[in-house]
Amino acid sequence: MPFNISDIRADFPILSQTIYKRPLIYFDNAATTQKPVQVIRAISNYYEQDNCNIHRGVHYLSVKATEAFEEARNEIREFINAHATHEVVFTKGASESLNLVASSFGKKFLKPGDEVITTIMEHHSNFVPWQMICEEKGAVLKVAGILPDGQLDLEHLYSLISDRTRIIALTHVSNVLGTINPVKEIIAHAHSKGIPVLIDGAQGVSHIPVDVTDLDCDFYCFSGHKMYGPMGIGVLYGKERWLEELPPYQTGGEMVKDVTVERTTFNELPFKFEAGTPNVEGVIGLRAANQYLRNLGMDNIRAYEDELLKHAVERFSAIEDMRFYGTAPEKASLVSFLVGDIHPFDAGTIIDKMGIAVRTGHHCAQPLIDHFGIPGTVRASFAFYNTIEEIDKLAEAVKRVKTMFK
């Protein structure tokens, strides 16, 4: 084991509670991860000692808060290995980051008859914004399919590319299938044809090392709350050349350089995309979460979570009538499944009463669920604070569900 799991679990107060007179087992990490005391304390300390609006004041608190905010931006730059700090834009989350790019890119570059390519496995946040901007601009949204094991069908994806393709937007890791897409290969192929690529990294950044320079992606989006930070904060990484060309997504304070009755000029990067008072506490918390992940080591996290996934697949495969959705060889640490003809909501409700939190439903990926022709799945998603013993208890809970519905 690459780290001491007991010490790690002690950092997460919520994991020590009991529900329904049973110890809480939390397997809903793909929806949101729990927060270590280091993140909680960072937010509390900010409000107790440093709370102030940033960038606008010359007094002590404003300067101190501004310095912490911008130091956090640089640490995020280092975490994803971006070239420049001004390529890191703070948003409300991955959803806002994706909406920002879809809206601003679409306004600037999409014309009637142009094409955008995405995939059937996308979260709604990387599907609906492109659907809407294509409808608004008279463009066409093309959707790449998947193979039976949940891998992206690269042959189909590449066949969709034409001289009208303006951008490809796809997920790094599927939040339903766990599939890790070969995004570096896809980016290289797209760039050979002069096409930019956006990556939804909401499910990637907390599980695998992310190097945007190595990937050479044009945009990369992720949320703080899925990487052990607070809700309401996210990141848009964008290459400088693209961020310079895109028009602002929102207007207000901070994102302007000069405003007159006649016209407005916009601020430099990244502030052009950060209108209004920012979520300073969120950025402070995200910085603490980032430091926590870096201290553990993303390679160590990946290795341990791979062990959890392997054990889960072995245990669940031994249960009769288990149907897995997503069996690609390259996967992040989640398992989506159905048990016989039992509705996922029924299964999830019973599992909950045994103290185990799993997610049920379409997971904000209805096109993918419709592709399978099912009402949804039960999803167990694992984090580095989960244990082999907890997975064993989930396996027993699934067997209990089967018995109750027999």
Protein backbone atom coordinates (compact mmCIF):
# COMPACT_ATOMS: atom_id res chain seq x y z
CA MET A 1 0.00 0.00 0.00
CA PRO A 2 1.52 3.36 -1.03
CA PHE A 3 0.26 5.23 2.05
CA ASN A 4 -1.24 4.69 5.50
CA ILE A 5 -4.99 4.37 4.99
CA SER A 6 -5.75 4.78 8.72
CA ASP A 7 -3.97 8.13 8.85
CA ILE A 8 -5.76 9.27 5.71
CA ARG A 9 -9.20 8.32 7.01
CA ALA A 10 -8.49 10.24 10.20
CA ASP A 11 -8.21 13.39 8.05
CA PHE A 12 -11.84 13.02 6.93
CA PRO A 13 -14.18 13.61 9.91
CA ILE A 14 -17.35 12.69 8.02
CA LEU A 15 -16.15 9.11 7.54
CA SER A 16 -16.19 8.41 11.29
CA GLN A 17 -19.96 8.79 11.70
CA THR A 18 -22.60 6.10 11.80
CA ILE A 19 -25.87 6.06 9.84
CA TYR A 20 -28.73 3.64 10.48
CA LYS A 21 -26.56 2.36 13.38
CA ARG A 22 -23.85 1.31 10.92
CA PRO A 23 -20.49 2.87 10.05
CA LEU A 24 -20.83 5.12 7.02
CA ILE A 25 -19.36 3.69 3.83
CA TYR A 26 -19.12 6.39 1.19
CA PHE A 27 -19.00 5.22 -2.42
CA ASP A 28 -20.44 8.31 -4.12
CA ASN A 29 -17.11 9.96 -4.85
CA ALA A 30 -17.84 10.56 -8.54
CA ALA A 31 -20.65 12.88 -7.44
CA THR A 32 -18.52 14.67 -4.86
CA THR A 33 -15.57 13.75 -2.68
CA GLN A 34 -15.39 14.32 1.06
CA LYS A 35 -13.16 17.06 2.47
CA PRO A 36 -10.12 16.59 4.71
CA VAL A 37 -9.64 18.70 7.82
CA GLN A 38 -6.86 20.56 6.02
CA VAL A 39 -9.40 21.97 3.56
CA ILE A 40 -11.98 22.71 6.25
CA ARG A 41 -9.42 24.53 8.39
CA ALA A 42 -8.10 26.53 5.45
CA ILE A 43 -11.59 27.88 4.77
CA SER A 44 -12.25 28.56 8.46
CA ASN A 45 -8.89 30.31 8.89
CA TYR A 46 -9.57 32.49 5.86
CA TYR A 47 -12.84 33.75 7.32
CA GLU A 48 -11.40 34.14 10.81
CA GLN A 49 -8.25 36.00 9.78
CA ASP A 50 -8.08 37.15 6.15
CA ASN A 51 -11.60 37.70 4.80
CA CYS A 52 -11.60 40.52 2.28
CA ASN A 53 -12.40 41.31 -1.32
CA ILE A 54 -9.37 40.96 -3.55
CA HIS A 55 -7.52 42.85 -6.30
CA ARG A 56 -9.24 46.15 -5.43
CA GLY A 57 -7.77 47.24 -2.12
CA VAL A 58 -4.44 48.55 -0.92
CA HIS A 59 -5.04 47.80 2.76
CA TYR A 60 -3.50 44.88 4.64
CA LEU A 61 -6.37 42.36 4.47
CA SER A 62 -7.03 42.94 0.80
CA VAL A 63 -3.37 42.55 -0.09
CA LYS A 64 -3.05 39.40 2.02
CA ALA A 65 -6.17 37.79 0.54
CA THR A 66 -5.11 38.74 -2.98
CA GLU A 67 -1.69 37.18 -2.48
CA ALA A 68 -3.23 33.93 -1.20
CA PHE A 69 -5.67 33.87 -4.13
CA GLU A 70 -2.95 34.33 -6.73
CA GLU A 71 -0.60 31.90 -5.00
CA ALA A 72 -3.39 29.32 -5.29
CA ARG A 73 -3.67 30.04 -9.01
CA ASN A 74 0.04 29.38 -9.45
CA GLU A 75 -0.17 26.14 -7.47
CA ILE A 76 -2.99 24.93 -9.71
CA ARG A 77 -0.85 25.88 -12.72
CA GLU A 78 1.93 23.69 -11.33
CA PHE A 79 -0.49 20.85 -10.54
CA ILE A 80 -1.66 20.58 -14.16
CA ASN A 81 1.66 21.82 -15.62
CA ALA A 82 0.27 24.75 -17.56
CA HIS A 83 2.75 27.07 -19.24
CA ALA A 84 1.50 30.28 -17.66
CA THR A 85 -0.48 31.31 -14.59
CA HIS A 86 -2.79 33.48 -16.67
CA GLU A 87 -3.95 30.34 -18.49
CA VAL A 88 -5.73 29.28 -15.27
CA VAL A 89 -9.21 30.77 -14.93
CA PHE A 90 -11.28 30.27 -11.78
CA THR A 91 -14.96 29.44 -12.33
CA LYS A 92 -17.85 28.03 -10.28
CA GLY A 93 -17.04 24.49 -11.41
CA ALA A 94 -16.49 22.26 -14.42
CA SER A 95 -20.02 22.98 -15.64
CA GLU A 96 -19.40 26.71 -15.80
CA SER A 97 -16.00 26.15 -17.40
CA LEU A 98 -17.58 24.03 -20.12
CA ASN A 99 -20.44 26.48 -20.64
CA LEU A 100 -17.93 29.33 -20.85
CA VAL A 101 -15.99 27.69 -23.66
CA ALA A 102 -19.08 26.53 -25.54
CA SER A 103 -20.67 29.96 -25.38
CA SER A 104 -17.61 32.09 -26.09
CA PHE A 105 -16.11 29.76 -28.70
CA GLY A 106 -19.47 29.36 -30.40
CA LYS A 107 -20.09 33.09 -30.58
CA LYS A 108 -16.69 33.73 -32.11
CA PHE A 109 -16.09 30.73 -34.36
CA LEU A 110 -19.30 28.84 -35.19
CA LYS A 111 -21.24 29.64 -38.34
CA PRO A 112 -24.21 27.90 -40.00
CA GLY A 113 -23.16 24.48 -41.29
CA ASP A 114 -20.10 24.23 -39.04
CA GLU A 115 -19.68 21.10 -36.93
CA VAL A 116 -18.84 20.25 -33.33
CA ILE A 117 -17.89 16.70 -32.33
CA THR A 118 -18.58 15.20 -28.93
CA THR A 119 -19.28 11.65 -27.66
CA ILE A 120 -22.20 9.57 -26.42
CA MET A 121 -20.50 9.13 -23.02
CA GLU A 122 -20.48 12.83 -22.08
CA HIS A 123 -21.90 14.28 -18.90
CA HIS A 124 -24.72 16.69 -19.67
CA SER A 125 -22.38 19.57 -18.82
CA ASN A 126 -20.28 18.76 -21.88
CA PHE A 127 -23.22 17.88 -24.10
CA VAL A 128 -26.08 20.33 -23.55
CA PRO A 129 -23.99 23.54 -23.89
CA TRP A 130 -22.71 22.37 -27.29
CA GLN A 131 -26.19 21.28 -28.29
CA MET A 132 -27.54 24.72 -27.43
CA ILE A 133 -24.82 26.78 -29.10
CA CYS A 134 -25.06 24.62 -32.24
CA GLU A 135 -28.80 25.23 -32.37
CA GLU A 136 -28.27 28.95 -31.84
CA LYS A 137 -25.59 29.26 -34.54
CA GLY A 138 -27.06 26.79 -37.05
CA ALA A 139 -24.16 24.40 -36.54
CA VAL A 140 -24.29 20.58 -36.39
CA LEU A 141 -23.47 18.49 -33.32
CA LYS A 142 -21.95 15.11 -34.21
CA VAL A 143 -21.77 12.36 -31.60
CA ALA A 144 -19.15 9.61 -31.56
CA GLY A 145 -20.21 6.18 -30.28
CA ILE A 146 -18.64 3.56 -28.05
CA LEU A 147 -17.58 -0.07 -28.35
CA PRO A 148 -19.37 -2.84 -26.39
CA ASP A 149 -16.85 -2.68 -23.53
CA GLY A 150 -17.31 1.06 -23.08
CA GLN A 151 -14.23 2.21 -24.95
CA LEU A 152 -14.65 5.20 -27.21
CA ASP A 153 -15.01 4.12 -30.84
CA LEU A 154 -12.02 6.00 -32.24
CA GLU A 155 -12.69 4.87 -35.78
CA HIS A 156 -16.17 6.36 -35.59
CA LEU A 157 -14.86 9.52 -33.94
CA TYR A 158 -12.25 10.11 -36.62
CA SER A 159 -14.76 9.38 -39.38
CA LEU A 160 -16.89 12.29 -38.14
CA ILE A 161 -14.13 14.83 -38.75
CA SER A 162 -14.59 17.00 -41.82
CA ASP A 163 -13.40 20.34 -43.14
CA ARG A 164 -16.34 21.90 -41.23
CA THR A 165 -15.23 20.55 -37.82
CA ARG A 166 -14.45 23.51 -35.56
CA ILE A 167 -13.82 21.81 -32.20
CA ILE A 168 -13.88 18.40 -30.49
CA ALA A 169 -15.17 18.26 -26.91
CA LEU A 170 -14.88 15.05 -24.91
CA THR A 171 -14.46 13.68 -21.43
CA HIS A 172 -11.15 12.48 -20.03
CA VAL A 173 -12.88 9.88 -17.82
CA SER A 174 -16.51 8.78 -18.14
CA ASN A 175 -18.51 9.32 -14.97
CA VAL A 176 -20.68 6.29 -15.79
CA LEU A 177 -18.32 3.81 -17.41
CA GLY A 178 -15.05 4.80 -15.75
CA THR A 179 -13.41 4.62 -19.19
CA ILE A 180 -10.20 6.61 -19.46
CA ASN A 181 -10.17 7.97 -22.98
CA PRO A 182 -6.91 8.16 -24.99
CA VAL A 183 -7.17 11.93 -25.10
CA LYS A 184 -3.51 12.55 -25.96
CA GLU A 185 -3.88 10.46 -29.13
CA ILE A 186 -7.16 12.17 -30.01
CA ILE A 187 -5.68 15.62 -29.48
CA ALA A 188 -2.70 14.84 -31.70
CA HIS A 189 -5.00 13.55 -34.45
CA ALA A 190 -7.24 16.61 -34.20
CA HIS A 191 -4.31 19.03 -34.20
CA SER A 192 -2.94 17.41 -37.34
CA LYS A 193 -6.11 18.72 -38.99
CA GLY A 194 -6.02 22.10 -37.26
CA ILE A 195 -8.89 21.33 -34.86
CA PRO A 196 -8.79 22.42 -31.18
CA VAL A 197 -9.82 20.03 -28.42
CA LEU A 198 -11.59 20.62 -25.12
CA ILE A 199 -11.28 18.03 -22.36
CA ASP A 200 -13.80 17.65 -19.53
CA GLY A 201 -11.50 16.59 -16.71
CA ALA A 202 -14.04 16.58 -13.87
CA GLN A 203 -13.59 12.82 -13.33
CA GLY A 204 -9.93 12.74 -14.33
CA VAL A 205 -8.06 15.22 -12.20
CA SER A 206 -8.67 13.47 -8.86
CA HIS A 207 -7.70 10.00 -10.09
CA ILE A 208 -4.82 10.31 -12.54
CA PRO A 209 -1.91 12.72 -13.08
CA VAL A 210 -2.89 15.48 -15.50
CA ASP A 211 -0.28 17.34 -17.55
CA VAL A 212 -1.96 19.75 -19.95
CA THR A 213 1.33 20.57 -21.63
CA ASP A 214 2.01 16.91 -22.37
CA LEU A 215 -1.58 16.35 -23.50
CA ASP A 216 -1.38 19.52 -25.61
CA CYS A 217 -5.11 20.12 -25.06
CA ASP A 218 -6.52 23.53 -25.88
CA PHE A 219 -8.92 23.58 -22.92
CA TYR A 220 -9.17 21.45 -19.76
CA CYS A 221 -12.00 21.85 -17.24
CA PHE A 222 -12.47 20.51 -13.71
CA SER A 223 -14.25 21.08 -10.39
CA GLY A 224 -12.83 21.56 -6.92
CA HIS A 225 -15.44 19.46 -5.13
CA LYS A 226 -14.49 16.30 -7.04
CA MET A 227 -10.85 16.68 -5.96
CA TYR A 228 -11.47 16.96 -2.20
CA GLY A 229 -11.98 20.73 -2.28
CA PRO A 230 -15.08 22.86 -1.66
CA MET A 231 -18.12 23.17 -3.87
CA GLY A 232 -18.67 26.25 -5.99
CA ILE A 233 -15.13 26.49 -7.36
CA GLY A 234 -13.63 25.15 -10.56
CA VAL A 235 -10.93 25.71 -13.12
CA LEU A 236 -10.77 26.39 -16.81
CA TYR A 237 -7.34 25.89 -18.30
CA GLY A 238 -7.02 27.38 -21.75
CA LYS A 239 -4.08 27.97 -24.02
CA GLU A 240 -3.24 31.66 -24.09
CA ARG A 241 -3.91 32.04 -27.81
CA TRP A 242 -7.45 30.74 -27.41
CA LEU A 243 -8.26 32.69 -24.27
CA GLU A 244 -7.06 35.86 -25.95
CA GLU A 245 -9.38 35.26 -28.90
CA LEU A 246 -12.51 34.26 -27.00
CA PRO A 247 -14.95 37.02 -26.00
CA PRO A 248 -15.90 37.36 -22.31
CA TYR A 249 -18.55 35.00 -20.99
CA GLN A 250 -19.89 37.34 -18.28
CA THR A 251 -19.45 41.02 -17.55
CA GLY A 252 -19.12 43.01 -14.35
CA GLY A 253 -16.39 44.16 -12.04
CA GLU A 254 -12.75 43.06 -12.39
CA MET A 255 -13.08 41.83 -16.00
CA VAL A 256 -12.92 45.37 -17.38
CA LYS A 257 -9.94 47.62 -18.02
CA ASP A 258 -11.78 50.80 -18.91
CA VAL A 259 -15.47 51.73 -19.12
CA THR A 260 -16.82 54.89 -20.70
CA VAL A 261 -20.26 55.89 -21.86
CA GLU A 262 -19.23 54.99 -25.39
CA ARG A 263 -17.35 51.71 -24.98
CA THR A 264 -15.69 49.12 -22.72
CA THR A 265 -12.27 47.54 -22.99
CA PHE A 266 -11.61 44.26 -21.23
CA ASN A 267 -9.01 43.28 -18.68
CA GLU A 268 -6.01 41.08 -19.41
CA LEU A 269 -5.98 37.33 -18.83
CA PRO A 270 -7.17 35.61 -16.72
CA PHE A 271 -9.30 38.42 -15.30
CA LYS A 272 -11.22 38.88 -18.55
CA PHE A 273 -13.14 35.73 -17.60
CA GLU A 274 -13.49 36.36 -13.84
CA ALA A 275 -16.32 38.87 -13.56
CA GLY A 276 -17.45 40.01 -10.12
CA THR A 277 -16.33 39.15 -6.63
CA PRO A 278 -14.67 35.75 -6.85
CA ASN A 279 -15.19 32.77 -4.58
CA VAL A 280 -12.07 33.48 -2.51
CA GLU A 281 -12.89 30.89 0.16
CA GLY A 282 -13.35 28.32 -2.60
CA VAL A 283 -9.95 29.10 -4.08
CA ILE A 284 -8.33 28.91 -0.63
CA GLY A 285 -9.99 25.54 -0.05
CA LEU A 286 -9.01 24.32 -3.52
CA ARG A 287 -5.42 25.25 -2.79
CA ALA A 288 -5.47 23.16 0.39
CA ALA A 289 -7.02 20.22 -1.48
CA ASN A 290 -4.40 20.51 -4.20
CA GLN A 291 -1.64 20.46 -1.60
CA TYR A 292 -3.20 17.39 0.02
CA LEU A 293 -3.26 15.50 -3.28
CA ARG A 294 0.29 16.50 -4.11
CA ASN A 295 1.50 15.32 -0.70
CA LEU A 296 -0.09 11.91 -1.29
CA GLY A 297 1.17 11.78 -4.88
CA MET A 298 -1.13 11.26 -7.84
CA ASP A 299 0.77 8.15 -8.92
CA ASN A 300 0.26 6.65 -5.45
CA ILE A 301 -3.43 7.52 -5.56
CA ARG A 302 -3.81 5.89 -8.98
CA ALA A 303 -2.03 2.71 -7.84
CA TYR A 304 -4.15 2.32 -4.70
CA GLU A 305 -7.44 3.06 -6.44
CA ASP A 306 -6.54 0.51 -9.12
CA GLU A 307 -6.26 -2.06 -6.33
CA LEU A 308 -9.72 -1.11 -5.08
CA LEU A 309 -11.18 -1.38 -8.58
CA LYS A 310 -9.59 -4.76 -9.22
CA HIS A 311 -10.93 -6.13 -5.95
CA ALA A 312 -14.42 -4.75 -6.61
CA VAL A 313 -14.59 -6.33 -10.06
CA GLU A 314 -13.47 -9.69 -8.66
CA ARG A 315 -15.98 -9.64 -5.79
CA PHE A 316 -18.93 -8.38 -7.85
CA SER A 317 -18.23 -10.74 -10.75
CA ALA A 318 -18.86 -13.66 -8.41
CA ILE A 319 -22.43 -12.46 -7.79
CA GLU A 320 -24.98 -14.11 -10.05
CA ASP A 321 -26.92 -11.84 -12.46
CA MET A 322 -24.50 -8.90 -12.11
CA ARG A 323 -24.31 -6.82 -15.30
CA PHE A 324 -21.43 -4.37 -15.62
CA TYR A 325 -21.53 -1.23 -17.76
CA GLY A 326 -18.01 -0.22 -18.70
CA THR A 327 -15.32 -2.89 -18.81
CA ALA A 328 -12.65 -1.05 -20.79
CA PRO A 329 -9.06 -2.07 -19.99
CA GLU A 330 -8.20 1.53 -19.03
CA LYS A 331 -10.58 2.54 -16.24
CA ALA A 332 -10.80 4.85 -13.26
CA SER A 333 -12.01 3.51 -9.92
CA LEU A 334 -15.76 3.17 -10.37
CA VAL A 335 -18.15 0.35 -11.14
CA SER A 336 -21.59 0.78 -12.73
CA PHE A 337 -23.87 -2.22 -12.56
CA LEU A 338 -27.36 -3.68 -12.45
CA VAL A 339 -28.47 -6.79 -10.59
CA GLY A 340 -30.87 -8.92 -12.57
CA ASP A 341 -34.08 -7.00 -13.27
CA ILE A 342 -33.95 -5.01 -10.02
CA HIS A 343 -34.47 -1.29 -10.60
CA PRO A 344 -31.36 0.71 -9.63
CA PHE A 345 -33.39 2.99 -7.32
CA ASP A 346 -34.71 -0.01 -5.40
CA ALA A 347 -31.25 -1.51 -5.09
CA GLY A 348 -29.71 1.81 -4.04
CA THR A 349 -32.36 2.42 -1.38
CA ILE A 350 -31.75 -0.96 0.25
CA ILE A 351 -27.97 -0.53 0.05
CA ASP A 352 -28.35 2.85 1.74
CA LYS A 353 -30.16 1.28 4.69
CA MET A 354 -27.05 -0.83 5.21
CA GLY A 355 -24.99 2.32 5.68
CA ILE A 356 -23.51 2.42 2.18
CA ALA A 357 -23.82 5.46 -0.07
CA VAL A 358 -23.96 4.66 -3.80
CA ARG A 359 -25.39 6.70 -6.68
CA THR A 360 -28.33 5.50 -8.76
CA GLY A 361 -29.94 6.82 -11.93
CA HIS A 362 -28.66 8.18 -15.23
CA HIS A 363 -25.75 10.11 -13.64
CA CYS A 364 -26.41 13.18 -15.82
CA ALA A 365 -25.54 11.14 -18.90
CA GLN A 366 -28.92 10.31 -20.39
CA PRO A 367 -27.75 9.82 -24.00
CA LEU A 368 -25.41 7.08 -22.77
CA ILE A 369 -28.05 5.42 -20.58
CA ASP A 370 -30.52 5.54 -23.48
CA HIS A 371 -27.86 3.92 -25.67
CA PHE A 372 -27.90 0.92 -23.31
CA GLY A 373 -31.70 0.90 -23.14
CA ILE A 374 -31.79 0.80 -19.34
CA PRO A 375 -33.37 3.04 -16.65
CA GLY A 376 -29.99 3.76 -15.07
CA THR A 377 -27.30 2.00 -13.08
CA VAL A 378 -26.04 1.61 -9.55
CA ARG A 379 -22.66 3.33 -9.40
CA ALA A 380 -20.04 2.70 -6.75
CA SER A 381 -17.13 5.11 -7.13
CA PHE A 382 -14.03 4.73 -5.00
CA ALA A 383 -11.54 7.17 -3.48
CA PHE A 384 -8.20 6.74 -1.77
CA TYR A 385 -9.87 6.80 1.67
CA ASN A 386 -11.97 3.73 0.84
CA THR A 387 -10.88 0.24 1.83
CA ILE A 388 -11.00 -3.35 0.62
CA GLU A 389 -13.17 -4.18 3.63
CA GLU A 390 -15.75 -1.58 2.61
CA ILE A 391 -15.96 -3.09 -0.86
CA ASP A 392 -16.55 -6.50 0.70
CA LYS A 393 -19.44 -5.03 2.68
CA LEU A 394 -20.94 -3.61 -0.52
CA ALA A 395 -20.73 -7.04 -2.12
CA GLU A 396 -22.63 -8.49 0.84
CA ALA A 397 -25.19 -5.70 0.56
CA VAL A 398 -25.75 -6.50 -3.12
CA LYS A 399 -26.31 -10.14 -2.21
CA ARG A 400 -28.85 -8.98 0.37
CA VAL A 401 -30.66 -7.01 -2.33
CA LYS A 402 -30.81 -10.12 -4.51
CA THR A 403 -32.24 -12.15 -1.64
CA MET A 404 -34.93 -9.58 -0.87
CA PHE A 405 -36.09 -9.48 -4.48
CA LYS A 406 -35.87 -13.22 -5.06
